[in-house]
PDB file of N, CA and C in Angstrom:
ATOM      1  N   UNK A   1       1.132  -0.961   0.100  1.00  0.00           N
ATOM      2  CA  UNK A   1       0.052  -0.150  -0.644  1.00  0.00           C
ATOM      3  C   UNK A   1       0.742   1.435   0.007  1.00  0.00           C
ATOM      4  N   UNK A   2       0.389   2.327  -0.753  1.00  0.00           N
ATOM      5  CA  UNK A   2       1.495   3.384  -0.767  1.00  0.00           C
ATOM      6  C   UNK A   2       0.320   5.077   0.096  1.00  0.00           C
ATOM      7  N   UNK A   3       0.897   5.483   0.421  1.00  0.00           N
ATOM      8  CA  UNK A   3       0.492   6.463   0.970  1.00  0.00           C
ATOM      9  C   UNK A   3       0.650   8.003   0.949  1.00  0.00           C
ATOM     10  N   UNK A   4       0.122   8.539  -0.380  1.00  0.00           N
ATOM     11  CA  UNK A   4       1.738   9.843  -0.385  1.00  0.00           C
ATOM     12  C   UNK A   4       0.498  10.894   0.207  1.00  0.00           C
ATOM     13  N   UNK A   5       1.571  12.312   0.312  1.00  0.00           N
ATOM     14  CA  UNK A   5       1.140  13.076   0.643  1.00  0.00           C
ATOM     15  C   UNK A   5       2.007  14.432   0.481  1.00  0.00           C
ATOM     16  N   UNK A   6       1.071  15.186   0.891  1.00  0.00           N
ATOM     17  CA  UNK A   6       1.989  16.983   0.973  1.00  0.00           C
ATOM     18  C   UNK A   6       2.033  17.306  -0.307  1.00  0.00           C
ATOM     19  N   UNK A   7       1.336  17.019  -1.334  1.00  0.00           N
ATOM     20  CA  UNK A   7       0.838  18.194  -2.514  1.00  0.00           C
ATOM     21  C   UNK A   7      -0.402  19.276  -2.185  1.00  0.00           C
ATOM     22  N   UNK A   8      -0.072  20.261  -3.187  1.00  0.00           N
ATOM     23  CA  UNK A   8      -1.423  21.300  -2.628  1.00  0.00           C
ATOM     24  C   UNK A   8      -0.908  22.104  -3.680  1.00  0.00           C
ATOM     25  N   UNK A   9      -1.088  24.009  -3.861  1.00  0.00           N
ATOM     26  CA  UNK A   9      -1.271  24.438  -4.632  1.00  0.00           C
ATOM     27  C   UNK A   9      -0.206  25.923  -3.959  1.00  0.00           C
ATOM     28  N   UNK A  10       0.824  26.078  -5.060  1.00  0.00           N
ATOM     29  CA  UNK A  10       1.743  27.187  -4.092  1.00  0.00           C
ATOM     30  C   UNK A  10       2.237  27.778  -5.198  1.00  0.00           C
ATOM     31  N   UNK A  11       2.020  29.287  -5.029  1.00  0.00           N
ATOM     32  CA  UNK A  11       3.378  30.086  -6.390  1.00  0.00           C
ATOM     33  C   UNK A  11       4.694  29.779  -6.601  1.00  0.00           C
ATOM     34  N   UNK A  12       4.965  30.271  -7.591  1.00  0.00           N
ATOM     35  CA  UNK A  12       6.263  29.757  -8.638  1.00  0.00           C
ATOM     36  C   UNK A  12       7.373  30.257  -7.650  1.00  0.00           C
ATOM     37  N   UNK A  13       8.154  29.910  -6.756  1.00  0.00           N
ATOM     38  CA  UNK A  13       9.121  29.848  -6.635  1.00  0.00           C
ATOM     39  C   UNK A  13       9.293  29.311  -5.613  1.00  0.00           C
ATOM     40  N   UNK A  14       7.807  28.648  -4.874  1.00  0.00           N
ATOM     41  CA  UNK A  14       7.768  28.186  -3.598  1.00  0.00           C
ATOM     42  C   UNK A  14       8.269  26.897  -3.561  1.00  0.00           C
ATOM     43  N   UNK A  15       8.132  26.093  -2.250  1.00  0.00           N
ATOM     44  CA  UNK A  15       8.332  24.695  -2.326  1.00  0.00           C
ATOM     45  C   UNK A  15       7.356  23.777  -1.269  1.00  0.00           C
ATOM     46  N   UNK A  16       7.599  22.319  -1.391  1.00  0.00           N
ATOM     47  CA  UNK A  16       6.671  21.433  -1.630  1.00  0.00           C
ATOM     48  C   UNK A  16       7.664  20.297  -1.073  1.00  0.00           C
ATOM     49  N   UNK A  17       6.991  19.748   0.366  1.00  0.00           N
ATOM     50  CA  UNK A  17       7.779  18.651   0.409  1.00  0.00           C
ATOM     51  C   UNK A  17       6.598  17.290   0.502  1.00  0.00           C
ATOM     52  N   UNK A  18       6.861  16.471  -0.676  1.00  0.00           N
ATOM     53  CA  UNK A  18       5.954  15.090  -0.805  1.00  0.00           C
ATOM     54  C   UNK A  18       6.578  13.736  -0.216  1.00  0.00           C
ATOM     55  N   UNK A  19       5.830  13.097   0.772  1.00  0.00           N
ATOM     56  CA  UNK A  19       6.069  11.639   1.433  1.00  0.00           C
ATOM     57  C   UNK A  19       5.216  10.690   0.579  1.00  0.00           C
ATOM     58  N   UNK A  20       6.034   9.637   1.015  1.00  0.00           N
ATOM     59  CA  UNK A  20       5.235   8.682   0.527  1.00  0.00           C
ATOM     60  C   UNK A  20       5.702   7.323   1.670  1.00  0.00           C
ATOM     61  N   UNK A  21       4.371   6.926   2.096  1.00  0.00           N
ATOM     62  CA  UNK A  21       4.915   5.669   2.800  1.00  0.00           C
ATOM     63  C   UNK A  21       4.394   4.456   2.089  1.00  0.00           C
ATOM     64  N   UNK A  22       5.072   3.685   2.014  1.00  0.00           N
ATOM     65  CA  UNK A  22       4.888   2.355   1.114  1.00  0.00           C
ATOM     66  C   UNK A  22       5.289   0.925   2.730  1.00  0.00           C
ATOM     67  N   UNK A  23       3.811  -0.098   2.372  1.00  0.00           N
ATOM     68  CA  UNK A  23       3.690  -0.593   3.560  1.00  0.00           C
ATOM     69  C   UNK A  23       3.864  -1.856   2.845  1.00  0.00           C
ATOM     70  N   UNK A  24       4.583  -3.125   3.448  1.00  0.00           N
ATOM     71  CA  UNK A  24       4.863  -4.661   2.557  1.00  0.00           C
ATOM     72  C   UNK A  24       5.729  -4.584   1.776  1.00  0.00           C
ATOM     73  N   UNK A  25       6.832  -4.182   1.900  1.00  0.00           N
ATOM     74  CA  UNK A  25       7.701  -4.101   1.010  1.00  0.00           C
ATOM     75  C   UNK A  25       9.343  -4.127   2.223  1.00  0.00           C
ATOM     76  N   UNK A  26       9.960  -4.659   1.612  1.00  0.00           N
ATOM     77  CA  UNK A  26      11.750  -4.974   2.256  1.00  0.00           C
ATOM     78  C   UNK A  26      12.277  -3.512   1.349  1.00  0.00           C
ATOM     79  N   UNK A  27      12.703  -2.319   1.840  1.00  0.00           N
ATOM     80  CA  UNK A  27      12.918  -0.919   1.134  1.00  0.00           C
ATOM     81  C   UNK A  27      14.229  -1.900   0.454  1.00  0.00           C
ATOM     82  N   UNK A  28      14.990  -2.493   0.385  1.00  0.00           N
ATOM     83  CA  UNK A  28      16.627  -3.051   0.090  1.00  0.00           C
ATOM     84  C   UNK A  28      16.457  -3.972  -0.755  1.00  0.00           C
ATOM     85  N   UNK A  29      15.336  -3.937  -1.298  1.00  0.00           N
ATOM     86  CA  UNK A  29      14.457  -5.121  -2.672  1.00  0.00           C
ATOM     87  C   UNK A  29      14.536  -4.345  -3.774  1.00  0.00           C
ATOM     88  N   UNK A  30      14.321  -3.049  -3.514  1.00  0.00           N
ATOM     89  CA  UNK A  30      13.388  -2.084  -4.539  1.00  0.00           C
ATOM     90  C   UNK A  30      14.286  -1.009  -4.580  1.00  0.00           C
ATOM     91  N   UNK A  31      14.019   0.025  -5.959  1.00  0.00           N
ATOM     92  CA  UNK A  31      14.648   1.337  -6.031  1.00  0.00           C
ATOM     93  C   UNK A  31      12.934   2.388  -5.869  1.00  0.00           C
ATOM     94  N   UNK A  32      12.804   3.338  -5.569  1.00  0.00           N
ATOM     95  CA  UNK A  32      11.932   4.109  -5.281  1.00  0.00           C
ATOM     96  C   UNK A  32      11.814   5.238  -6.020  1.00  0.00           C
ATOM     97  N   UNK A  33      10.891   5.013  -7.391  1.00  0.00           N
ATOM     98  CA  UNK A  33      10.623   6.275  -7.546  1.00  0.00           C
ATOM     99  C   UNK A  33       9.551   7.356  -7.832  1.00  0.00           C
ATOM    100  N   UNK A  34       9.717   8.358  -7.860  1.00  0.00           N
ATOM    101  CA  UNK A  34       8.793   9.400  -7.804  1.00  0.00           C
ATOM    102  C   UNK A  34       8.723   9.621  -9.301  1.00  0.00           C
ATOM    103  N   UNK A  35       7.404   9.439  -9.987  1.00  0.00           N
ATOM    104  CA  UNK A  35       7.510   9.795 -11.160  1.00  0.00           C
ATOM    105  C   UNK A  35       5.989  10.943 -11.326  1.00  0.00           C
ATOM    106  N   UNK A  36       6.197  11.899 -12.173  1.00  0.00           N
ATOM    107  CA  UNK A  36       4.597  12.522 -12.467  1.00  0.00           C
ATOM    108  C   UNK A  36       4.240  12.799 -13.677  1.00  0.00           C
ATOM    109  N   UNK A  37       3.043  13.006 -14.429  1.00  0.00           N
ATOM    110  CA  UNK A  37       2.304  13.320 -15.817  1.00  0.00           C
ATOM    111  C   UNK A  37       1.112  14.212 -14.686  1.00  0.00           C
ATOM    112  N   UNK A  38       1.729  15.051 -16.159  1.00  0.00           N
ATOM    113  CA  UNK A  38       0.487  16.093 -16.698  1.00  0.00           C
ATOM    114  C   UNK A  38      -0.228  15.723 -17.478  1.00  0.00           C
ATOM    115  N   UNK A  39      -1.605  16.620 -17.578  1.00  0.00           N
ATOM    116  CA  UNK A  39      -2.454  16.153 -17.968  1.00  0.00           C
ATOM    117  C   UNK A  39      -2.085  16.098 -19.810  1.00  0.00           C
ATOM    118  N   UNK A  40      -2.627  15.045 -20.918  1.00  0.00           N
ATOM    119  CA  UNK A  40      -2.283  15.209 -21.476  1.00  0.00           C
ATOM    120  C   UNK A  40      -0.579  15.244 -21.992  1.00  0.00           C
ATOM    121  N   UNK A  41       0.048  14.775 -21.040  1.00  0.00           N
ATOM    122  CA  UNK A  41       1.916  14.487 -21.338  1.00  0.00           C
ATOM    123  C   UNK A  41       2.079  13.100 -20.745  1.00  0.00           C
ATOM    124  N   UNK A  42       3.259  12.848 -21.491  1.00  0.00           N
ATOM    125  CA  UNK A  42       3.900  11.789 -20.571  1.00  0.00           C
ATOM    126  C   UNK A  42       4.651  11.070 -19.459  1.00  0.00           C
ATOM    127  N   UNK A  43       4.210  10.041 -18.426  1.00  0.00           N
ATOM    128  CA  UNK A  43       5.226   9.959 -17.561  1.00  0.00           C
ATOM    129  C   UNK A  43       6.545  10.529 -17.131  1.00  0.00           C
ATOM    130  N   UNK A  44       7.075  11.041 -16.397  1.00  0.00           N
ATOM    131  CA  UNK A  44       8.257  11.556 -16.452  1.00  0.00           C
ATOM    132  C   UNK A  44       8.668  10.960 -14.639  1.00  0.00           C
ATOM    133  N   UNK A  45      10.269  10.453 -14.501  1.00  0.00           N
ATOM    134  CA  UNK A  45      10.141  10.160 -13.697  1.00  0.00           C
ATOM    135  C   UNK A  45      11.354  11.303 -13.296  1.00  0.00           C
ATOM    136  N   UNK A  46      11.176  11.932 -12.165  1.00  0.00           N
ATOM    137  CA  UNK A  46      12.313  13.111 -11.983  1.00  0.00           C
ATOM    138  C   UNK A  46      12.945  12.615 -10.376  1.00  0.00           C
ATOM    139  N   UNK A  47      13.146  11.699  -9.755  1.00  0.00           N
ATOM    140  CA  UNK A  47      13.753  11.243  -8.537  1.00  0.00           C
ATOM    141  C   UNK A  47      13.415  10.031  -8.466  1.00  0.00           C
ATOM    142  N   UNK A  48      14.930   9.135  -8.447  1.00  0.00           N
ATOM    143  CA  UNK A  48      14.756   8.021  -7.672  1.00  0.00           C
ATOM    144  C   UNK A  48      15.815   7.084  -6.535  1.00  0.00           C
ATOM    145  N   UNK A  49      15.388   7.057  -5.980  1.00  0.00           N
ATOM    146  CA  UNK A  49      16.689   6.083  -4.810  1.00  0.00           C
ATOM    147  C   UNK A  49      16.577   4.650  -4.669  1.00  0.00           C
ATOM    148  N   UNK A  50      17.641   4.541  -4.464  1.00  0.00           N
ATOM    149  CA  UNK A  50      18.244   2.962  -4.308  1.00  0.00           C
ATOM    150  C   UNK A  50      17.844   2.700  -3.103  1.00  0.00           C
ATOM    151  N   UNK A  51      16.734   1.757  -2.887  1.00  0.00           N
ATOM    152  CA  UNK A  51      16.300   1.382  -1.274  1.00  0.00           C
ATOM    153  C   UNK A  51      17.550   0.775  -0.582  1.00  0.00           C
ATOM    154  N   UNK A  52      18.492   0.090  -0.563  1.00  0.00           N
ATOM    155  CA  UNK A  52      19.467  -0.328  -0.246  1.00  0.00           C
ATOM    156  C   UNK A  52      20.723   0.716   0.213  1.00  0.00           C
ATOM    157  N   UNK A  53      20.876   1.509  -0.750  1.00  0.00           N
ATOM    158  CA  UNK A  53      21.995   2.483  -0.428  1.00  0.00           C
ATOM    159  C   UNK A  53      21.780   4.021  -0.286  1.00  0.00           C
ATOM    160  N   UNK A  54      20.586   4.390  -0.158  1.00  0.00           N
ATOM    161  CA  UNK A  54      19.551   5.833  -0.028  1.00  0.00           C
ATOM    162  C   UNK A  54      20.274   6.226  -1.295  1.00  0.00           C
ATOM    163  N   UNK A  55      20.949   6.255  -2.422  1.00  0.00           N
ATOM    164  CA  UNK A  55      21.508   6.818  -3.570  1.00  0.00           C
ATOM    165  C   UNK A  55      20.703   7.451  -4.145  1.00  0.00           C
ATOM    166  N   UNK A  56      20.585   8.505  -4.899  1.00  0.00           N
ATOM    167  CA  UNK A  56      19.159   9.526  -5.249  1.00  0.00           C
ATOM    168  C   UNK A  56      20.111   9.792  -6.629  1.00  0.00           C
ATOM    169  N   UNK A  57      19.323   9.602  -7.925  1.00  0.00           N
ATOM    170  CA  UNK A  57      19.458  10.847  -9.416  1.00  0.00           C
ATOM    171  C   UNK A  57      18.394  10.524  -8.878  1.00  0.00           C
ATOM    172  N   UNK A  58      18.734  11.981 -10.466  1.00  0.00           N
ATOM    173  CA  UNK A  58      17.157  13.093 -10.803  1.00  0.00           C
ATOM    174  C   UNK A  58      17.593  12.936 -12.735  1.00  0.00           C
ATOM    175  N   UNK A  59      16.130  13.478 -13.083  1.00  0.00           N
ATOM    176  CA  UNK A  59      16.140  13.857 -13.838  1.00  0.00           C
ATOM    177  C   UNK A  59      16.863  15.552 -14.140  1.00  0.00           C
ATOM    178  N   UNK A  60      17.138  15.793 -15.318  1.00  0.00           N
ATOM    179  CA  UNK A  60      17.827  17.024 -15.546  1.00  0.00           C
ATOM    180  C   UNK A  60      17.114  18.108 -15.211  1.00  0.00           C
ATOM    181  N   UNK A  61      15.493  18.346 -15.381  1.00  0.00           N
ATOM    182  CA  UNK A  61      14.397  18.941 -14.871  1.00  0.00           C
ATOM    183  C   UNK A  61      13.924  19.493 -13.857  1.00  0.00           C
ATOM    184  N   UNK A  62      14.289  18.724 -13.188  1.00  0.00           N
ATOM    185  CA  UNK A  62      14.538  18.966 -11.624  1.00  0.00           C
ATOM    186  C   UNK A  62      15.732  18.833 -10.574  1.00  0.00           C
ATOM    187  N   UNK A  63      16.918  18.486 -11.795  1.00  0.00           N
ATOM    188  CA  UNK A  63      18.285  18.413 -10.801  1.00  0.00           C
ATOM    189  C   UNK A  63      18.661  19.962  -9.827  1.00  0.00           C
ATOM    190  N   UNK A  64      18.991  19.923  -8.973  1.00  0.00           N
ATOM    191  CA  UNK A  64      19.205  21.235  -8.257  1.00  0.00           C
ATOM    192  C   UNK A  64      18.618  21.595  -7.576  1.00  0.00           C
ATOM    193  N   UNK A  65      17.107  21.494  -7.482  1.00  0.00           N
ATOM    194  CA  UNK A  65      15.660  21.581  -7.037  1.00  0.00           C
ATOM    195  C   UNK A  65      15.069  20.726  -6.351  1.00  0.00           C
ATOM    196  N   UNK A  66      14.954  19.582  -6.530  1.00  0.00           N
ATOM    197  CA  UNK A  66      14.517  18.723  -5.589  1.00  0.00           C
ATOM    198  C   UNK A  66      15.426  17.538  -5.381  1.00  0.00           C
ATOM    199  N   UNK A  67      15.137  17.151  -3.894  1.00  0.00           N
ATOM    200  CA  UNK A  67      16.139  16.696  -3.485  1.00  0.00           C
ATOM    201  C   UNK A  67      15.098  15.007  -2.606  1.00  0.00           C
ATOM    202  N   UNK A  68      15.530  13.795  -2.816  1.00  0.00           N
ATOM    203  CA  UNK A  68      14.644  12.908  -2.588  1.00  0.00           C
ATOM    204  C   UNK A  68      15.813  12.636  -1.373  1.00  0.00           C
ATOM    205  N   UNK A  69      15.022  11.852  -0.448  1.00  0.00           N
ATOM    206  CA  UNK A  69      15.234  10.854   0.713  1.00  0.00           C
ATOM    207  C   UNK A  69      14.750   9.901   0.979  1.00  0.00           C
ATOM    208  N   UNK A  70      14.989   8.984   1.698  1.00  0.00           N
ATOM    209  CA  UNK A  70      14.438   7.871   2.374  1.00  0.00           C
ATOM    210  C   UNK A  70      14.714   7.406   4.071  1.00  0.00           C
ATOM    211  N   UNK A  71      14.006   6.741   4.444  1.00  0.00           N
ATOM    212  CA  UNK A  71      14.192   6.279   5.711  1.00  0.00           C
ATOM    213  C   UNK A  71      13.932   5.136   5.489  1.00  0.00           C
ATOM    214  N   UNK A  72      14.483   3.802   5.773  1.00  0.00           N
ATOM    215  CA  UNK A  72      14.191   2.167   5.796  1.00  0.00           C
ATOM    216  C   UNK A  72      13.127   2.114   6.788  1.00  0.00           C
ATOM    217  N   UNK A  73      13.621   2.851   8.193  1.00  0.00           N
ATOM    218  CA  UNK A  73      13.202   1.900   9.491  1.00  0.00           C
ATOM    219  C   UNK A  73      11.608   2.380   9.230  1.00  0.00           C
ATOM    220  N   UNK A  74      11.383   3.311   8.230  1.00  0.00           N
ATOM    221  CA  UNK A  74       9.667   4.199   8.417  1.00  0.00           C
ATOM    222  C   UNK A  74       9.177   3.959   6.856  1.00  0.00           C
ATOM    223  N   UNK A  75       9.822   2.985   6.294  1.00  0.00           N
ATOM    224  CA  UNK A  75       9.477   2.824   5.113  1.00  0.00           C
ATOM    225  C   UNK A  75       8.787   3.940   4.026  1.00  0.00           C
ATOM    226  N   UNK A  76       9.511   4.988   4.214  1.00  0.00           N
ATOM    227  CA  UNK A  76       8.903   6.018   4.093  1.00  0.00           C
ATOM    228  C   UNK A  76      10.173   7.347   2.816  1.00  0.00           C
ATOM    229  N   UNK A  77      10.077   7.810   1.699  1.00  0.00           N
ATOM    230  CA  UNK A  77      10.716   8.269   0.930  1.00  0.00           C
ATOM    231  C   UNK A  77      10.044  10.072   0.761  1.00  0.00           C
ATOM    232  N   UNK A  78      10.616  11.028   0.738  1.00  0.00           N
ATOM    233  CA  UNK A  78      10.321  11.927   0.633  1.00  0.00           C
ATOM    234  C   UNK A  78      10.925  12.957  -0.933  1.00  0.00           C
ATOM    235  N   UNK A  79      10.054  13.833  -1.479  1.00  0.00           N
ATOM    236  CA  UNK A  79      10.869  14.416  -2.250  1.00  0.00           C
ATOM    237  C   UNK A  79      10.835  15.953  -1.682  1.00  0.00           C
ATOM    238  N   UNK A  80      11.462  16.539  -1.794  1.00  0.00           N
ATOM    239  CA  UNK A  80      11.567  18.104  -1.354  1.00  0.00           C
ATOM    240  C   UNK A  80      11.749  18.802  -2.110  1.00  0.00           C
ATOM    241  N   UNK A  81      10.645  19.893  -2.754  1.00  0.00           N
ATOM    242  CA  UNK A  81      10.809  20.891  -4.022  1.00  0.00           C
ATOM    243  C   UNK A  81      10.750  22.116  -3.478  1.00  0.00           C
ATOM    244  N   UNK A  82      11.799  22.662  -4.416  1.00  0.00           N
ATOM    245  CA  UNK A  82      12.064  24.348  -4.382  1.00  0.00           C
ATOM    246  C   UNK A  82      12.161  24.628  -5.622  1.00  0.00           C
ATOM    247  N   UNK A  83      11.863  25.988  -5.422  1.00  0.00           N
ATOM    248  CA  UNK A  83      12.163  26.734  -6.895  1.00  0.00           C
ATOM    249  C   UNK A  83      11.274  26.184  -7.925  1.00  0.00           C
ATOM    250  N   UNK A  84       9.837  25.901  -7.011  1.00  0.00           N
ATOM    251  CA  UNK A  84       8.816  25.430  -7.925  1.00  0.00           C
ATOM    252  C   UNK A  84       8.361  26.689  -9.238  1.00  0.00           C
ATOM    253  N   UNK A  85       8.432  25.964 -10.610  1.00  0.00           N
ATOM    254  CA  UNK A  85       7.778  26.625 -11.664  1.00  0.00           C
ATOM    255  C   UNK A  85       6.706  25.702 -12.355  1.00  0.00           C
ATOM    256  N   UNK A  86       6.143  26.744 -12.895  1.00  0.00           N
ATOM    257  CA  UNK A  86       4.513  26.088 -13.536  1.00  0.00           C
ATOM    258  C   UNK A  86       4.861  24.329 -14.131  1.00  0.00           C
ATOM    259  N   UNK A  87       6.342  24.723 -14.809  1.00  0.00           N
ATOM    260  CA  UNK A  87       5.933  23.099 -15.487  1.00  0.00           C
ATOM    261  C   UNK A  87       6.175  22.167 -14.610  1.00  0.00           C
ATOM    262  N   UNK A  88       5.920  22.594 -13.655  1.00  0.00           N
ATOM    263  CA  UNK A  88       6.457  21.288 -12.290  1.00  0.00           C
ATOM    264  C   UNK A  88       5.213  20.672 -12.117  1.00  0.00           C
ATOM    265  N   UNK A  89       3.920  21.450 -12.265  1.00  0.00           N
ATOM    266  CA  UNK A  89       2.137  21.052 -12.109  1.00  0.00           C
ATOM    267  C   UNK A  89       2.524  19.738 -12.941  1.00  0.00           C
ATOM    268  N   UNK A  90       1.611  18.588 -12.028  1.00  0.00           N
ATOM    269  CA  UNK A  90       1.718  17.774 -12.649  1.00  0.00           C
ATOM    270  C   UNK A  90       0.820  16.518 -11.023  1.00  0.00           C
ATOM    271  N   UNK A  91       0.598  15.722 -11.883  1.00  0.00           N
ATOM    272  CA  UNK A  91       0.495  14.600 -10.093  1.00  0.00           C
ATOM    273  C   UNK A  91       1.709  13.723  -9.939  1.00  0.00           C
ATOM    274  N   UNK A  92       1.693  13.817  -8.268  1.00  0.00           N
ATOM    275  CA  UNK A  92       3.379  13.202  -8.743  1.00  0.00           C
ATOM    276  C   UNK A  92       2.776  11.423  -7.986  1.00  0.00           C
ATOM    277  N   UNK A  93       3.713  10.809  -8.146  1.00  0.00           N
ATOM    278  CA  UNK A  93       3.154   9.251  -7.434  1.00  0.00           C
ATOM    279  C   UNK A  93       4.333   8.635  -7.201  1.00  0.00           C
ATOM    280  N   UNK A  94       4.571   8.050  -6.727  1.00  0.00           N
ATOM    281  CA  UNK A  94       5.839   7.035  -5.953  1.00  0.00           C
ATOM    282  C   UNK A  94       5.343   5.522  -6.309  1.00  0.00           C
ATOM    283  N   UNK A  95       6.528   5.224  -7.173  1.00  0.00           N
ATOM    284  CA  UNK A  95       6.348   3.655  -7.244  1.00  0.00           C
ATOM    285  C   UNK A  95       7.547   3.046  -7.096  1.00  0.00           C
ATOM    286  N   UNK A  96       7.599   1.333  -7.256  1.00  0.00           N
ATOM    287  CA  UNK A  96       8.589   0.292  -7.283  1.00  0.00           C
ATOM    288  C   UNK A  96       9.056  -0.108  -8.072  1.00  0.00           C
ATOM    289  N   UNK A  97      10.892  -0.377  -8.350  1.00  0.00           N
ATOM    290  CA  UNK A  97      11.090  -0.806  -9.596  1.00  0.00           C
ATOM    291  C   UNK A  97      12.062  -1.279  -9.843  1.00  0.00           C
ATOM    292  N   UNK A  98      12.614  -2.419  -9.744  1.00  0.00           N
ATOM    293  CA  UNK A  98      13.839  -3.196  -9.886  1.00  0.00           C
ATOM    294  C   UNK A  98      15.403  -2.462  -9.369  1.00  0.00           C
ATOM    295  N   UNK A  99      15.343  -1.416 -10.141  1.00  0.00           N
ATOM    296  CA  UNK A  99      16.575  -0.415 -10.014  1.00  0.00           C
ATOM    297  C   UNK A  99      16.324   0.823 -10.877  1.00  0.00           C
ATOM    298  N   UNK A 100      16.797   1.667 -10.774  1.00  0.00           N
ATOM    299  CA  UNK A 100      16.478   3.382 -11.372  1.00  0.00           C
ATOM    300  C   UNK A 100      16.237   3.265 -12.735  1.00  0.00           C
ATOM    301  N   UNK A 101      17.339   2.232 -13.822  1.00  0.00           N
ATOM    302  CA  UNK A 101      17.230   2.559 -14.893  1.00  0.00           C
ATOM    303  C   UNK A 101      16.121   2.073 -15.134  1.00  0.00           C
ATOM    304  N   UNK A 102      15.350   0.717 -14.634  1.00  0.00           N
ATOM    305  CA  UNK A 102      14.062   0.175 -14.793  1.00  0.00           C
ATOM    306  C   UNK A 102      13.033   1.103 -15.013  1.00  0.00           C
ATOM    307  N   UNK A 103      12.668   1.709 -16.230  1.00  0.00           N
ATOM    308  CA  UNK A 103      10.959   2.478 -15.724  1.00  0.00           C
ATOM    309  C   UNK A 103       9.733   1.954 -15.898  1.00  0.00           C
ATOM    310  N   UNK A 104      10.012   0.403 -16.233  1.00  0.00           N
ATOM    311  CA  UNK A 104       9.079  -0.402 -15.575  1.00  0.00           C
ATOM    312  C   UNK A 104       7.992  -0.624 -14.105  1.00  0.00           C
ATOM    313  N   UNK A 105       7.450   0.516 -13.685  1.00  0.00           N
ATOM    314  CA  UNK A 105       7.136   0.504 -12.695  1.00  0.00           C
ATOM    315  C   UNK A 105       6.275  -1.219 -12.186  1.00  0.00           C
ATOM    316  N   UNK A 106       6.768  -1.709 -11.166  1.00  0.00           N
ATOM    317  CA  UNK A 106       5.762  -3.041 -10.298  1.00  0.00           C
ATOM    318  C   UNK A 106       4.642  -2.508  -9.524  1.00  0.00           C
ATOM    319  N   UNK A 107       4.610  -1.429  -9.190  1.00  0.00           N
ATOM    320  CA  UNK A 107       3.286  -1.153  -8.567  1.00  0.00           C
ATOM    321  C   UNK A 107       3.373   0.651  -8.584  1.00  0.00           C
ATOM    322  N   UNK A 108       2.344   1.285  -7.967  1.00  0.00           N
ATOM    323  CA  UNK A 108       2.177   2.913  -7.692  1.00  0.00           C
ATOM    324  C   UNK A 108       1.379   3.506  -6.665  1.00  0.00           C
ATOM    325  N   UNK A 109       1.648   4.320  -6.375  1.00  0.00           N
ATOM    326  CA  UNK A 109       0.441   4.931  -6.208  1.00  0.00           C
ATOM    327  C   UNK A 109      -0.526   5.540  -6.487  1.00  0.00           C
ATOM    328  N   UNK A 110      -1.571   6.416  -5.530  1.00  0.00           N
ATOM    329  CA  UNK A 110      -3.157   6.971  -6.400  1.00  0.00           C
ATOM    330  C   UNK A 110      -2.301   8.035  -7.167  1.00  0.00           C
ATOM    331  N   UNK A 111      -1.115   9.284  -6.546  1.00  0.00           N
ATOM    332  CA  UNK A 111      -0.957   9.915  -6.639  1.00  0.00           C
ATOM    333  C   UNK A 111      -0.872  11.136  -5.567  1.00  0.00           C
ATOM    334  N   UNK A 112      -0.178  12.576  -5.773  1.00  0.00           N
ATOM    335  CA  UNK A 112      -0.819  13.871  -4.586  1.00  0.00           C
ATOM    336  C   UNK A 112      -0.513  14.667  -6.368  1.00  0.00           C
ATOM    337  N   UNK A 113      -1.378  15.403  -5.789  1.00  0.00           N
ATOM    338  CA  UNK A 113      -1.438  16.470  -7.296  1.00  0.00           C
ATOM    339  C   UNK A 113      -1.114  17.660  -6.642  1.00  0.00           C
ATOM    340  N   UNK A 114       0.601  18.518  -7.612  1.00  0.00           N
ATOM    341  CA  UNK A 114       1.258  19.710  -7.074  1.00  0.00           C
ATOM    342  C   UNK A 114       0.771  20.532  -8.032  1.00  0.00           C
ATOM    343  N   UNK A 115       0.206  21.773  -8.060  1.00  0.00           N
ATOM    344  CA  UNK A 115      -0.045  22.555  -8.897  1.00  0.00           C
ATOM    345  C   UNK A 115       0.939  23.993  -8.478  1.00  0.00           C
ATOM    346  N   UNK A 116       1.474  24.508  -9.247  1.00  0.00           N
ATOM    347  CA  UNK A 116       2.103  25.760  -9.533  1.00  0.00           C
ATOM    348  C   UNK A 116       1.789  27.171  -9.683  1.00  0.00           C
ATOM    349  N   UNK A 117       1.731  27.791  -9.490  1.00  0.00           N
ATOM    350  CA  UNK A 117       0.592  29.055 -10.173  1.00  0.00           C
ATOM    351  C   UNK A 117       1.517  30.069 -10.088  1.00  0.00           C
ATOM    352  N   UNK A 118       0.989  30.847 -11.206  1.00  0.00           N
ATOM    353  CA  UNK A 118       2.246  32.095 -11.269  1.00  0.00           C
ATOM    354  C   UNK A 118       1.986  33.405 -10.385  1.00  0.00           C
TER     355      UNK A 118
END
């Protein structure tokens, strides 16, 4: 089960922190990705963390603005989003995959809406 939270409406340049609690898994067995999807747009992976190492990697579009972190003991990942832009508006989902380079997600949550206004 995925429980995502933290989305909302924010002005350009603002910040949000998304959370995702994933129950029923062993973190070390997975990579966890935050991907986003805007209406009419393709899914975009923005950040991924390897469960066993806690090492994160980022899409070029968010590098330097977003930070992904995890706590294995809490089965939780976070996405700190700073300097938000209108193009960051989307539904953000956390998802499980075998490794960060694999964009075929096994399971994902219902998502949380992020809206960045001018």
